[in-house]
PDB file of all heavy atoms in Angstrom:
ATOM      1  N   LYS A   1     -52.064 -78.620  10.167  1.00  0.00           N
ATOM      2  CA  LYS A   1     -53.527 -78.271  10.726  1.00  0.00           C
ATOM      3  C   LYS A   1     -54.540 -79.071  10.154  1.00  0.00           C
ATOM      4  O   LYS A   1     -55.597 -78.620   9.660  1.00  0.00           O
ATOM      5  CB  LYS A   1     -53.831 -76.691  10.541  1.00  0.00           C
ATOM      6  CG  LYS A   1     -52.663 -75.888  11.172  1.00  0.00           C
ATOM      7  CD  LYS A   1     -52.721 -76.007  12.698  1.00  0.00           C
ATOM      8  CE  LYS A   1     -51.534 -75.142  13.362  1.00  0.00           C
ATOM      9  NZ  LYS A   1     -51.520 -75.419  14.817  1.00  0.00           N
ATOM     10  N   CYS A   2     -54.307 -80.389  10.034  1.00  0.00           N
ATOM     11  CA  CYS A   2     -55.355 -81.297   9.500  1.00  0.00           C
ATOM     12  C   CYS A   2     -56.584 -81.286  10.468  1.00  0.00           C
ATOM     13  O   CYS A   2     -57.722 -81.345   9.891  1.00  0.00           O
ATOM     14  CB  CYS A   2     -54.778 -82.676   9.549  1.00  0.00           C
ATOM     15  SG  CYS A   2     -55.771 -83.867   8.635  1.00  0.00           S
ATOM     16  N   ALA A   3     -56.361 -81.128  11.764  1.00  0.00           N
ATOM     17  CA  ALA A   3     -57.454 -80.810  12.732  1.00  0.00           C
ATOM     18  C   ALA A   3     -57.084 -79.538  13.462  1.00  0.00           C
ATOM     19  O   ALA A   3     -55.868 -79.187  13.505  1.00  0.00           O
ATOM     20  CB  ALA A   3     -57.633 -81.965  13.612  1.00  0.00           C
ATOM     21  N   THR A   4     -58.174 -78.856  13.909  1.00  0.00           N
ATOM     22  CA  THR A   4     -57.954 -77.693  14.679  1.00  0.00           C
ATOM     23  C   THR A   4     -58.040 -77.890  16.108  1.00  0.00           C
ATOM     24  O   THR A   4     -59.005 -78.538  16.636  1.00  0.00           O
ATOM     25  CB  THR A   4     -59.038 -76.606  14.181  1.00  0.00           C
ATOM     26  OG1 THR A   4     -58.932 -76.338  12.876  1.00  0.00           O
ATOM     27  CG2 THR A   4     -58.859 -75.288  14.967  1.00  0.00           C
ATOM     28  N   ILE A   5     -57.031 -77.412  16.934  1.00  0.00           N
ATOM     29  CA  ILE A   5     -56.979 -77.553  18.320  1.00  0.00           C
ATOM     30  C   ILE A   5     -57.434 -76.227  18.981  1.00  0.00           C
ATOM     31  O   ILE A   5     -56.874 -75.212  18.657  1.00  0.00           O
ATOM     32  CB  ILE A   5     -55.650 -78.010  18.879  1.00  0.00           C
ATOM     33  CG1 ILE A   5     -55.118 -79.278  18.158  1.00  0.00           C
ATOM     34  CG2 ILE A   5     -55.728 -78.175  20.463  1.00  0.00           C
ATOM     35  CD1 ILE A   5     -55.952 -80.460  18.354  1.00  0.00           C
ATOM     36  N   SER A   6     -58.486 -76.271  19.878  1.00  0.00           N
ATOM     37  CA  SER A   6     -58.913 -75.087  20.515  1.00  0.00           C
ATOM     38  C   SER A   6     -59.122 -75.453  22.010  1.00  0.00           C
ATOM     39  O   SER A   6     -60.172 -76.066  22.410  1.00  0.00           O
ATOM     40  CB  SER A   6     -60.171 -74.516  19.935  1.00  0.00           C
ATOM     41  OG  SER A   6     -60.626 -73.429  20.613  1.00  0.00           O
ATOM     42  N   GLY A   7     -58.210 -75.074  22.834  1.00  0.00           N
ATOM     43  CA  GLY A   7     -58.270 -75.501  24.285  1.00  0.00           C
ATOM     44  C   GLY A   7     -58.226 -77.042  24.410  1.00  0.00           C
ATOM     45  O   GLY A   7     -57.251 -77.569  23.920  1.00  0.00           O
ATOM     46  N   LYS A   8     -59.141 -77.669  24.956  1.00  0.00           N
ATOM     47  CA  LYS A   8     -59.122 -79.080  25.157  1.00  0.00           C
ATOM     48  C   LYS A   8     -59.817 -79.814  24.071  1.00  0.00           C
ATOM     49  O   LYS A   8     -59.993 -81.007  24.122  1.00  0.00           O
ATOM     50  CB  LYS A   8     -59.717 -79.488  26.535  1.00  0.00           C
ATOM     51  CG  LYS A   8     -61.192 -79.090  26.725  1.00  0.00           C
ATOM     52  CD  LYS A   8     -61.600 -79.450  28.072  1.00  0.00           C
ATOM     53  CE  LYS A   8     -63.195 -79.213  28.194  1.00  0.00           C
ATOM     54  NZ  LYS A   8     -63.595 -79.695  29.567  1.00  0.00           N
ATOM     55  N   ARG A   9     -60.282 -79.073  23.065  1.00  0.00           N
ATOM     56  CA  ARG A   9     -61.112 -79.707  21.994  1.00  0.00           C
ATOM     57  C   ARG A   9     -60.357 -79.719  20.669  1.00  0.00           C
ATOM     58  O   ARG A   9     -59.505 -78.893  20.412  1.00  0.00           O
ATOM     59  CB  ARG A   9     -62.378 -78.952  21.771  1.00  0.00           C
ATOM     60  CG  ARG A   9     -63.458 -79.167  22.897  1.00  0.00           C
ATOM     61  CD  ARG A   9     -64.753 -78.351  22.550  1.00  0.00           C
ATOM     62  NE  ARG A   9     -65.767 -78.822  23.614  1.00  0.00           N
ATOM     63  CZ  ARG A   9     -65.865 -78.339  24.831  1.00  0.00           C
ATOM     64  NH1 ARG A   9     -64.941 -77.560  25.316  1.00  0.00           N
ATOM     65  NH2 ARG A   9     -66.878 -78.836  25.579  1.00  0.00           N
ATOM     66  N   MET A  10     -60.598 -80.854  19.920  1.00  0.00           N
ATOM     67  CA  MET A  10     -60.061 -81.008  18.609  1.00  0.00           C
ATOM     68  C   MET A  10     -61.308 -81.115  17.576  1.00  0.00           C
ATOM     69  O   MET A  10     -62.177 -81.858  17.828  1.00  0.00           O
ATOM     70  CB  MET A  10     -59.227 -82.352  18.508  1.00  0.00           C
ATOM     71  CG  MET A  10     -58.833 -82.640  17.099  1.00  0.00           C
ATOM     72  SD  MET A  10     -58.001 -84.252  16.965  1.00  0.00           S
ATOM     73  CE  MET A  10     -56.512 -83.935  17.815  1.00  0.00           C
ATOM     74  N   PHE A  11     -61.178 -80.232  16.618  1.00  0.00           N
ATOM     75  CA  PHE A  11     -62.257 -80.208  15.596  1.00  0.00           C
ATOM     76  C   PHE A  11     -61.717 -80.769  14.298  1.00  0.00           C
ATOM     77  O   PHE A  11     -60.584 -80.338  13.769  1.00  0.00           O
ATOM     78  CB  PHE A  11     -62.639 -78.754  15.361  1.00  0.00           C
ATOM     79  CG  PHE A  11     -63.268 -78.009  16.543  1.00  0.00           C
ATOM     80  CD1 PHE A  11     -62.437 -77.458  17.426  1.00  0.00           C
ATOM     81  CD2 PHE A  11     -64.639 -78.041  16.710  1.00  0.00           C
ATOM     82  CE1 PHE A  11     -62.972 -76.768  18.546  1.00  0.00           C
ATOM     83  CE2 PHE A  11     -65.131 -77.438  17.825  1.00  0.00           C
ATOM     84  CZ  PHE A  11     -64.260 -76.813  18.778  1.00  0.00           C
ATOM     85  N   LEU A  12     -62.407 -81.759  13.834  1.00  0.00           N
ATOM     86  CA  LEU A  12     -61.843 -82.545  12.636  1.00  0.00           C
ATOM     87  C   LEU A  12     -62.939 -82.579  11.504  1.00  0.00           C
ATOM     88  O   LEU A  12     -64.029 -83.030  11.732  1.00  0.00           O
ATOM     89  CB  LEU A  12     -61.506 -83.909  13.016  1.00  0.00           C
ATOM     90  CG  LEU A  12     -61.123 -84.877  11.907  1.00  0.00           C
ATOM     91  CD1 LEU A  12     -59.817 -84.419  11.298  1.00  0.00           C
ATOM     92  CD2 LEU A  12     -60.954 -86.343  12.379  1.00  0.00           C
ATOM     93  N   ALA A  13     -62.600 -81.925  10.391  1.00  0.00           N
ATOM     94  CA  ALA A  13     -63.447 -82.095   9.133  1.00  0.00           C
ATOM     95  C   ALA A  13     -62.936 -83.311   8.401  1.00  0.00           C
ATOM     96  O   ALA A  13     -61.794 -83.307   7.876  1.00  0.00           O
ATOM     97  CB  ALA A  13     -63.361 -80.784   8.282  1.00  0.00           C
ATOM     98  N   PRO A  14     -63.713 -84.400   8.355  1.00  0.00           N
ATOM     99  CA  PRO A  14     -63.151 -85.649   7.918  1.00  0.00           C
ATOM    100  C   PRO A  14     -62.898 -85.775   6.358  1.00  0.00           C
ATOM    101  O   PRO A  14     -62.036 -86.517   5.966  1.00  0.00           O
ATOM    102  CB  PRO A  14     -64.221 -86.608   8.356  1.00  0.00           C
ATOM    103  CG  PRO A  14     -65.456 -85.878   8.430  1.00  0.00           C
ATOM    104  CD  PRO A  14     -65.069 -84.520   8.912  1.00  0.00           C
ATOM    105  N   ASN A  15     -63.551 -84.958   5.596  1.00  0.00           N
ATOM    106  CA  ASN A  15     -63.371 -84.972   4.163  1.00  0.00           C
ATOM    107  C   ASN A  15     -62.098 -84.183   3.914  1.00  0.00           C
ATOM    108  O   ASN A  15     -61.980 -83.016   3.826  1.00  0.00           O
ATOM    109  CB  ASN A  15     -64.527 -84.356   3.398  1.00  0.00           C
ATOM    110  CG  ASN A  15     -64.383 -84.515   1.865  1.00  0.00           C
ATOM    111  OD1 ASN A  15     -63.370 -84.960   1.351  1.00  0.00           O
ATOM    112  ND2 ASN A  15     -65.410 -84.164   1.164  1.00  0.00           N
ATOM    113  N   LEU A  16     -60.956 -85.024   3.564  1.00  0.00           N
ATOM    114  CA  LEU A  16     -59.631 -84.319   3.444  1.00  0.00           C
ATOM    115  C   LEU A  16     -59.372 -83.910   2.101  1.00  0.00           C
ATOM    116  O   LEU A  16     -58.769 -82.789   1.921  1.00  0.00           O
ATOM    117  CB  LEU A  16     -58.573 -85.399   3.922  1.00  0.00           C
ATOM    118  CG  LEU A  16     -57.135 -84.857   3.901  1.00  0.00           C
ATOM    119  CD1 LEU A  16     -56.997 -83.796   4.895  1.00  0.00           C
ATOM    120  CD2 LEU A  16     -56.229 -86.055   4.153  1.00  0.00           C
ATOM    121  N   MET A  17     -59.659 -84.636   0.932  1.00  0.00           N
ATOM    122  CA  MET A  17     -59.127 -84.326  -0.393  1.00  0.00           C
ATOM    123  C   MET A  17     -60.247 -84.066  -1.429  1.00  0.00           C
ATOM    124  O   MET A  17     -59.855 -83.844  -2.525  1.00  0.00           O
ATOM    125  CB  MET A  17     -58.296 -85.388  -0.786  1.00  0.00           C
ATOM    126  CG  MET A  17     -56.987 -85.487  -0.051  1.00  0.00           C
ATOM    127  SD  MET A  17     -55.875 -86.824  -0.574  1.00  0.00           S
ATOM    128  CE  MET A  17     -55.396 -86.108  -2.195  1.00  0.00           C
ATOM    129  N   ASN A  18     -61.503 -84.112  -1.125  1.00  0.00           N
ATOM    130  CA  ASN A  18     -62.523 -84.051  -2.167  1.00  0.00           C
ATOM    131  C   ASN A  18     -63.749 -83.174  -1.696  1.00  0.00           C
ATOM    132  O   ASN A  18     -64.832 -83.583  -1.856  1.00  0.00           O
ATOM    133  CB  ASN A  18     -62.997 -85.490  -2.576  1.00  0.00           C
ATOM    134  CG  ASN A  18     -63.661 -85.419  -3.896  1.00  0.00           C
ATOM    135  OD1 ASN A  18     -63.703 -84.556  -4.624  1.00  0.00           O
ATOM    136  ND2 ASN A  18     -64.314 -86.599  -4.231  1.00  0.00           N
ATOM    137  N   LYS A  19     -63.422 -82.026  -1.173  1.00  0.00           N
ATOM    138  CA  LYS A  19     -64.423 -81.285  -0.491  1.00  0.00           C
ATOM    139  C   LYS A  19     -65.021 -80.241  -1.519  1.00  0.00           C
ATOM    140  O   LYS A  19     -64.321 -79.492  -2.231  1.00  0.00           O
ATOM    141  CB  LYS A  19     -63.779 -80.520   0.700  1.00  0.00           C
ATOM    142  CG  LYS A  19     -64.875 -79.728   1.525  1.00  0.00           C
ATOM    143  CD  LYS A  19     -64.248 -79.019   2.663  1.00  0.00           C
ATOM    144  CE  LYS A  19     -63.559 -79.971   3.622  1.00  0.00           C
ATOM    145  NZ  LYS A  19     -63.019 -79.285   4.783  1.00  0.00           N
ATOM    146  N   TRP A  20     -66.386 -80.213  -1.519  1.00  0.00           N
ATOM    147  CA  TRP A  20     -67.052 -79.030  -2.297  1.00  0.00           C
ATOM    148  C   TRP A  20     -67.218 -77.896  -1.313  1.00  0.00           C
ATOM    149  O   TRP A  20     -67.616 -78.014  -0.243  1.00  0.00           O
ATOM    150  CB  TRP A  20     -68.449 -79.532  -2.725  1.00  0.00           C
ATOM    151  CG  TRP A  20     -68.495 -80.480  -3.936  1.00  0.00           C
ATOM    152  CD1 TRP A  20     -67.441 -81.319  -4.304  1.00  0.00           C
ATOM    153  CD2 TRP A  20     -69.547 -80.640  -4.784  1.00  0.00           C
ATOM    154  NE1 TRP A  20     -67.840 -82.034  -5.398  1.00  0.00           N
ATOM    155  CE2 TRP A  20     -69.144 -81.655  -5.731  1.00  0.00           C
ATOM    156  CE3 TRP A  20     -70.884 -80.135  -4.879  1.00  0.00           C
ATOM    157  CZ2 TRP A  20     -70.019 -82.097  -6.747  1.00  0.00           C
ATOM    158  CZ3 TRP A  20     -71.732 -80.651  -5.899  1.00  0.00           C
ATOM    159  CH2 TRP A  20     -71.252 -81.601  -6.900  1.00  0.00           C
ATOM    160  N   ASP A  21     -66.820 -76.718  -1.887  1.00  0.00           N
ATOM    161  CA  ASP A  21     -66.963 -75.428  -1.034  1.00  0.00           C
ATOM    162  C   ASP A  21     -67.698 -74.447  -1.643  1.00  0.00           C
ATOM    163  O   ASP A  21     -67.805 -73.202  -1.203  1.00  0.00           O
ATOM    164  CB  ASP A  21     -65.557 -74.983  -0.613  1.00  0.00           C
ATOM    165  CG  ASP A  21     -64.628 -74.738  -1.755  1.00  0.00           C
ATOM    166  OD1 ASP A  21     -65.095 -74.661  -2.945  1.00  0.00           O
ATOM    167  OD2 ASP A  21     -63.402 -74.548  -1.467  1.00  0.00           O
ATOM    168  N   SER A  22     -68.315 -74.631  -2.909  1.00  0.00           N
ATOM    169  CA  SER A  22     -68.984 -73.572  -3.641  1.00  0.00           C
ATOM    170  C   SER A  22     -70.082 -74.205  -4.538  1.00  0.00           C
ATOM    171  O   SER A  22     -70.003 -75.380  -4.894  1.00  0.00           O
ATOM    172  CB  SER A  22     -68.161 -72.641  -4.415  1.00  0.00           C
ATOM    173  OG  SER A  22     -67.363 -73.359  -5.435  1.00  0.00           O
ATOM    174  N   THR A  23     -71.073 -73.463  -4.879  1.00  0.00           N
ATOM    175  CA  THR A  23     -72.071 -73.856  -5.888  1.00  0.00           C
ATOM    176  C   THR A  23     -72.319 -72.681  -6.955  1.00  0.00           C
ATOM    177  O   THR A  23     -71.878 -71.619  -6.648  1.00  0.00           O
ATOM    178  CB  THR A  23     -73.393 -74.192  -5.182  1.00  0.00           C
ATOM    179  OG1 THR A  23     -73.855 -73.098  -4.480  1.00  0.00           O
ATOM    180  CG2 THR A  23     -73.238 -75.369  -4.249  1.00  0.00           C
ATOM    181  N   PRO A  24     -72.992 -72.986  -8.038  1.00  0.00           N
ATOM    182  CA  PRO A  24     -73.301 -71.952  -8.997  1.00  0.00           C
ATOM    183  C   PRO A  24     -74.214 -70.963  -8.396  1.00  0.00           C
ATOM    184  O   PRO A  24     -74.850 -71.146  -7.390  1.00  0.00           O
ATOM    185  CB  PRO A  24     -73.910 -72.660 -10.175  1.00  0.00           C
ATOM    186  CG  PRO A  24     -73.597 -74.151  -9.989  1.00  0.00           C
ATOM    187  CD  PRO A  24     -73.367 -74.301  -8.539  1.00  0.00           C
ATOM    188  N   ASN A  25     -74.318 -69.791  -9.069  1.00  0.00           N
ATOM    189  CA  ASN A  25     -75.236 -68.716  -8.634  1.00  0.00           C
ATOM    190  C   ASN A  25     -76.667 -69.125  -8.760  1.00  0.00           C
ATOM    191  O   ASN A  25     -77.010 -69.940  -9.753  1.00  0.00           O
ATOM    192  CB  ASN A  25     -74.907 -67.424  -9.392  1.00  0.00           C
ATOM    193  CG  ASN A  25     -73.595 -66.890  -9.154  1.00  0.00           C
ATOM    194  OD1 ASN A  25     -73.036 -67.088  -7.971  1.00  0.00           O
ATOM    195  ND2 ASN A  25     -72.974 -66.180 -10.041  1.00  0.00           N
ATOM    196  N   THR A  26     -77.468 -68.574  -7.879  1.00  0.00           N
ATOM    197  CA  THR A  26     -78.929 -68.703  -8.186  1.00  0.00           C
ATOM    198  C   THR A  26     -79.387 -67.887  -9.415  1.00  0.00           C
ATOM    199  O   THR A  26     -78.872 -66.823  -9.675  1.00  0.00           O
ATOM    200  CB  THR A  26     -79.687 -68.152  -6.888  1.00  0.00           C
ATOM    201  OG1 THR A  26     -79.267 -68.861  -5.791  1.00  0.00           O
ATOM    202  CG2 THR A  26     -81.176 -68.309  -6.983  1.00  0.00           C
ATOM    203  N   VAL A  27     -80.342 -68.446 -10.092  1.00  0.00           N
ATOM    204  CA  VAL A  27     -80.920 -67.845 -11.305  1.00  0.00           C
ATOM    205  C   VAL A  27     -82.321 -67.681 -11.107  1.00  0.00           C
ATOM    206  O   VAL A  27     -83.086 -68.616 -11.061  1.00  0.00           O
ATOM    207  CB  VAL A  27     -80.530 -68.661 -12.528  1.00  0.00           C
ATOM    208  CG1 VAL A  27     -81.126 -67.911 -13.760  1.00  0.00           C
ATOM    209  CG2 VAL A  27     -79.040 -68.770 -12.832  1.00  0.00           C
ATOM    210  N   GLU A  28     -82.696 -66.364 -11.139  1.00  0.00           N
ATOM    211  CA  GLU A  28     -84.222 -66.123 -11.103  1.00  0.00           C
ATOM    212  C   GLU A  28     -84.821 -66.266 -12.467  1.00  0.00           C
ATOM    213  O   GLU A  28     -84.274 -65.829 -13.495  1.00  0.00           O
ATOM    214  CB  GLU A  28     -84.425 -64.652 -10.639  1.00  0.00           C
ATOM    215  CG  GLU A  28     -83.886 -64.327  -9.203  1.00  0.00           C
ATOM    216  CD  GLU A  28     -84.697 -65.080  -8.048  1.00  0.00           C
ATOM    217  OE1 GLU A  28     -85.826 -65.387  -8.351  1.00  0.00           O
ATOM    218  OE2 GLU A  28     -84.075 -65.250  -6.940  1.00  0.00           O
ATOM    219  N   LYS A  29     -85.968 -66.908 -12.517  1.00  0.00           N
ATOM    220  CA  LYS A  29     -86.686 -67.147 -13.763  1.00  0.00           C
ATOM    221  C   LYS A  29     -85.789 -67.744 -14.889  1.00  0.00           C
ATOM    222  O   LYS A  29     -85.722 -67.132 -15.874  1.00  0.00           O
ATOM    223  CB  LYS A  29     -87.348 -65.862 -14.234  1.00  0.00           C
ATOM    224  CG  LYS A  29     -88.307 -65.263 -13.238  1.00  0.00           C
ATOM    225  CD  LYS A  29     -88.899 -63.939 -13.761  1.00  0.00           C
ATOM    226  CE  LYS A  29     -89.921 -63.390 -12.782  1.00  0.00           C
ATOM    227  NZ  LYS A  29     -90.496 -62.081 -13.243  1.00  0.00           N
ATOM    228  N   ARG A  30     -85.147 -68.882 -14.518  1.00  0.00           N
ATOM    229  CA  ARG A  30     -84.298 -69.501 -15.410  1.00  0.00           C
ATOM    230  C   ARG A  30     -85.124 -69.853 -16.722  1.00  0.00           C
ATOM    231  O   ARG A  30     -86.287 -70.387 -16.751  1.00  0.00           O
ATOM    232  CB  ARG A  30     -83.795 -70.775 -14.912  1.00  0.00           C
ATOM    233  CG  ARG A  30     -83.000 -71.737 -15.803  1.00  0.00           C
ATOM    234  CD  ARG A  30     -81.754 -72.029 -15.493  1.00  0.00           C
ATOM    235  NE  ARG A  30     -80.986 -72.756 -16.464  1.00  0.00           N
ATOM    236  CZ  ARG A  30     -79.741 -73.113 -16.349  1.00  0.00           C
ATOM    237  NH1 ARG A  30     -79.008 -72.637 -15.342  1.00  0.00           N
ATOM    238  NH2 ARG A  30     -79.054 -73.754 -17.294  1.00  0.00           N
ATOM    239  N   THR A  31     -84.503 -69.703 -17.985  1.00  0.00           N
ATOM    240  CA  THR A  31     -85.108 -69.884 -19.206  1.00  0.00           C
ATOM    241  C   THR A  31     -84.413 -70.942 -20.015  1.00  0.00           C
ATOM    242  O   THR A  31     -85.086 -71.465 -20.929  1.00  0.00           O
ATOM    243  CB  THR A  31     -85.175 -68.623 -20.089  1.00  0.00           C
ATOM    244  OG1 THR A  31     -83.744 -68.154 -20.248  1.00  0.00           O
ATOM    245  CG2 THR A  31     -85.796 -67.409 -19.379  1.00  0.00           C
ATOM    246  N   LEU A  32     -83.180 -71.320 -19.795  1.00  0.00           N
ATOM    247  CA  LEU A  32     -82.518 -72.283 -20.560  1.00  0.00           C
ATOM    248  C   LEU A  32     -82.447 -73.594 -19.823  1.00  0.00           C
ATOM    249  O   LEU A  32     -82.520 -73.812 -18.642  1.00  0.00           O
ATOM    250  CB  LEU A  32     -81.008 -71.840 -20.768  1.00  0.00           C
ATOM    251  CG  LEU A  32     -80.858 -70.479 -21.414  1.00  0.00           C
ATOM    252  CD1 LEU A  32     -79.388 -70.142 -21.487  1.00  0.00           C
ATOM    253  CD2 LEU A  32     -81.513 -70.480 -22.810  1.00  0.00           C
ATOM    254  N   GLU A  33     -82.411 -74.624 -20.744  1.00  0.00           N
ATOM    255  CA  GLU A  33     -82.307 -76.030 -20.229  1.00  0.00           C
ATOM    256  C   GLU A  33     -81.029 -76.162 -19.338  1.00  0.00           C
ATOM    257  O   GLU A  33     -80.086 -75.386 -19.511  1.00  0.00           O
ATOM    258  CB  GLU A  33     -82.261 -77.060 -21.299  1.00  0.00           C
ATOM    259  CG  GLU A  33     -83.575 -77.332 -22.028  1.00  0.00           C
ATOM    260  CD  GLU A  33     -83.407 -78.551 -23.005  1.00  0.00           C
ATOM    261  OE1 GLU A  33     -82.486 -78.359 -23.861  1.00  0.00           O
ATOM    262  OE2 GLU A  33     -84.236 -79.407 -22.926  1.00  0.00           O
ATOM    263  N   VAL A  34     -81.110 -77.078 -18.442  1.00  0.00           N
ATOM    264  CA  VAL A  34     -79.903 -77.405 -17.581  1.00  0.00           C
ATOM    265  C   VAL A  34     -79.158 -78.590 -18.274  1.00  0.00           C
ATOM    266  O   VAL A  34     -79.783 -79.631 -18.507  1.00  0.00           O
ATOM    267  CB  VAL A  34     -80.326 -77.771 -16.148  1.00  0.00           C
ATOM    268  CG1 VAL A  34     -79.106 -78.111 -15.322  1.00  0.00           C
ATOM    269  CG2 VAL A  34     -81.080 -76.648 -15.567  1.00  0.00           C
ATOM    270  N   VAL A  35     -77.793 -78.360 -18.527  1.00  0.00           N
ATOM    271  CA  VAL A  35     -77.065 -79.422 -19.195  1.00  0.00           C
ATOM    272  C   VAL A  35     -75.933 -79.803 -18.367  1.00  0.00           C
ATOM    273  O   VAL A  35     -74.998 -79.020 -18.015  1.00  0.00           O
ATOM    274  CB  VAL A  35     -76.481 -78.915 -20.530  1.00  0.00           C
ATOM    275  CG1 VAL A  35     -75.751 -79.987 -21.284  1.00  0.00           C
ATOM    276  CG2 VAL A  35     -77.746 -78.486 -21.449  1.00  0.00           C
ATOM    277  N   ARG A  36     -75.827 -81.150 -17.965  1.00  0.00           N
ATOM    278  CA  ARG A  36     -74.758 -81.743 -17.263  1.00  0.00           C
ATOM    279  C   ARG A  36     -73.982 -82.637 -18.254  1.00  0.00           C
ATOM    280  O   ARG A  36     -74.593 -83.494 -18.853  1.00  0.00           O
ATOM    281  CB  ARG A  36     -75.118 -82.500 -16.028  1.00  0.00           C
ATOM    282  CG  ARG A  36     -75.446 -81.654 -14.696  1.00  0.00           C
ATOM    283  CD  ARG A  36     -75.247 -82.553 -13.571  1.00  0.00           C
ATOM    284  NE  ARG A  36     -74.122 -83.356 -13.584  1.00  0.00           N
ATOM    285  CZ  ARG A  36     -72.919 -82.960 -13.291  1.00  0.00           C
ATOM    286  NH1 ARG A  36     -72.657 -81.750 -12.818  1.00  0.00           N
ATOM    287  NH2 ARG A  36     -71.869 -83.799 -13.364  1.00  0.00           N
TER     288      ARG A  36
END
């Protein structure tokens, strides 16, 4: 199921192996520095 078939249509998400699907939580009134 690399691509999804629905009737006559094919749906393809092209990013196969390096997909981001989440992010950190929102922080209200952040007080600390951001460190990457």
